[in-house]
Amino acid sequence: MHELSIMDSALNMALDQAQKAGAARVQVIRLRIGVLSGVVPDALQFAFEALAPGTMAAGAALDIEHVPARFWCAACTREFQSDHYFGECPRCHRPSGDLRAGREMELASMEIE
């Protein structure tokens, strides 16, 4: 379950930033997770619930934004979405390996008090 180590890193990053900002408590942590990142959102939520107690993020909400996979079709010169590593352009049906988004794992924002 690599989500535990991913959440541990994200939580530590959020707590560090909250502490630098002089926060007393973290209310919401927002993550952007790409559909092709290999991360299971439910496992990430479970890891957050296991790691947050005893920290200033205890009782905080975890908000996960799912980022769809977007590819570039050189033939059509346009972006399209697909849930596969080699997406097929819906217009010309050519495969594309030019992934533009969908592998993100980032701390997008948080709410603190």
Protein backbone atom coordinates (compact mmCIF):
# COMPACT_ATOMS: atom_id res chain seq x y z
CA MET A 1 0.00 0.00 0.00
CA HIS A 2 2.17 2.83 -1.27
CA GLU A 3 -0.67 5.27 -0.58
CA LEU A 4 0.39 5.30 3.08
CA SER A 5 3.84 6.68 2.24
CA ILE A 6 2.36 9.10 -0.30
CA MET A 7 -0.13 10.39 2.27
CA ASP A 8 2.57 10.59 4.92
CA SER A 9 4.63 12.83 2.63
CA ALA A 10 1.65 14.98 1.62
CA LEU A 11 0.48 15.36 5.21
CA ASN A 12 3.96 16.29 6.41
CA MET A 13 4.24 18.87 3.63
CA ALA A 14 0.85 20.35 4.55
CA LEU A 15 1.67 20.42 8.26
CA ASP A 16 5.01 22.06 7.58
CA GLN A 17 3.38 24.79 5.48
CA ALA A 18 0.61 25.29 8.05
CA GLN A 19 3.16 25.64 10.83
CA LYS A 20 5.18 28.18 8.79
CA ALA A 21 1.96 30.16 8.28
CA GLY A 22 1.33 30.20 12.04
CA ALA A 23 -1.80 28.06 11.84
CA ALA A 24 -3.33 26.43 14.88
CA ARG A 25 -5.28 23.87 12.88
CA VAL A 26 -5.67 22.47 9.37
CA GLN A 27 -9.29 22.30 8.28
CA VAL A 28 -9.06 20.99 4.70
CA ILE A 29 -6.28 19.48 2.60
CA ARG A 30 -6.83 19.40 -1.16
CA LEU A 31 -4.87 17.00 -3.35
CA ARG A 32 -4.86 16.69 -7.15
CA ILE A 33 -4.52 13.04 -8.19
CA GLY A 34 -4.33 11.96 -11.83
CA VAL A 35 -6.31 8.92 -12.93
CA LEU A 36 -3.13 7.36 -14.34
CA SER A 37 -1.00 8.08 -11.24
CA GLY A 38 -1.43 4.57 -9.86
CA VAL A 39 -2.87 5.94 -6.62
CA VAL A 40 -6.13 4.51 -5.25
CA PRO A 41 -8.13 7.44 -3.81
CA ASP A 42 -9.95 5.27 -1.23
CA ALA A 43 -6.62 3.95 0.06
CA LEU A 44 -5.33 7.52 0.23
CA GLN A 45 -8.37 8.52 2.29
CA PHE A 46 -7.84 5.54 4.61
CA ALA A 47 -4.17 6.50 5.05
CA PHE A 48 -5.15 10.10 5.84
CA GLU A 49 -7.61 8.94 8.50
CA ALA A 50 -4.87 6.79 10.06
CA LEU A 51 -2.15 9.46 10.00
CA ALA A 52 -4.01 12.71 10.83
CA PRO A 53 -5.01 12.01 14.48
CA GLY A 54 -2.59 13.59 16.92
CA THR A 55 -1.56 16.27 14.42
CA MET A 56 -2.97 19.74 13.74
CA ALA A 57 -4.85 18.07 10.86
CA ALA A 58 -6.90 15.90 13.25
CA GLY A 59 -10.52 16.16 12.18
CA ALA A 60 -9.60 17.85 8.90
CA ALA A 61 -11.25 16.95 5.63
CA LEU A 62 -9.33 15.46 2.72
CA ASP A 63 -10.58 16.70 -0.65
CA ILE A 64 -9.25 14.76 -3.65
CA GLU A 65 -9.60 16.27 -7.11
CA HIS A 66 -9.48 13.58 -9.79
CA VAL A 67 -7.49 14.79 -12.81
CA PRO A 68 -8.49 13.09 -16.07
CA ALA A 69 -5.85 11.87 -18.51
CA ARG A 70 -5.44 14.29 -21.41
CA PHE A 71 -3.48 13.42 -24.53
CA TRP A 72 -2.35 15.39 -27.57
CA CYS A 73 -3.22 14.20 -31.07
CA ALA A 74 -0.57 15.49 -33.48
CA ALA A 75 -2.69 14.61 -36.51
CA CYS A 76 -5.76 16.56 -35.34
CA THR A 77 -3.74 19.11 -33.33
CA ARG A 78 -6.05 18.87 -30.36
CA GLU A 79 -6.26 17.44 -26.85
CA PHE A 80 -8.58 14.61 -25.87
CA GLN A 81 -9.31 12.56 -22.75
CA SER A 82 -8.76 8.85 -22.22
CA ASP A 83 -8.40 6.54 -19.21
CA HIS A 84 -5.64 4.47 -20.87
CA TYR A 85 -1.90 5.08 -21.11
CA PHE A 86 -2.06 5.16 -24.89
CA GLY A 87 -5.21 7.04 -25.70
CA GLU A 88 -6.95 6.81 -29.03
CA CYS A 89 -8.05 10.08 -30.58
CA PRO A 90 -11.86 10.06 -30.81
CA ARG A 91 -11.69 12.06 -34.05
CA CYS A 92 -9.07 10.25 -36.17
CA HIS A 93 -8.66 7.05 -34.07
CA ARG A 94 -4.87 7.29 -34.02
CA PRO A 95 -3.15 6.27 -30.78
CA SER A 96 -1.23 8.89 -28.86
CA GLY A 97 1.42 8.47 -26.20
CA ASP A 98 1.72 12.23 -25.69
CA LEU A 99 0.25 12.45 -22.18
CA ARG A 100 -0.40 16.06 -21.13
CA ALA A 101 -2.15 15.46 -17.76
CA GLY A 102 -3.33 12.57 -15.61
CA ARG A 103 -0.30 11.48 -13.58
CA GLU A 104 -0.41 14.31 -11.03
CA MET A 105 0.07 13.78 -7.33
CA GLU A 106 0.17 17.21 -5.76
CA LEU A 107 -0.85 19.19 -2.73
CA ALA A 108 -3.10 21.76 -4.40
CA SER A 109 -4.22 23.85 -1.41
CA MET A 110 -5.40 23.77 2.17
CA GLU A 111 -7.55 25.72 4.57
CA ILE A 112 -6.08 26.62 7.93
CA GLU A 113 -7.13 28.59 10.98
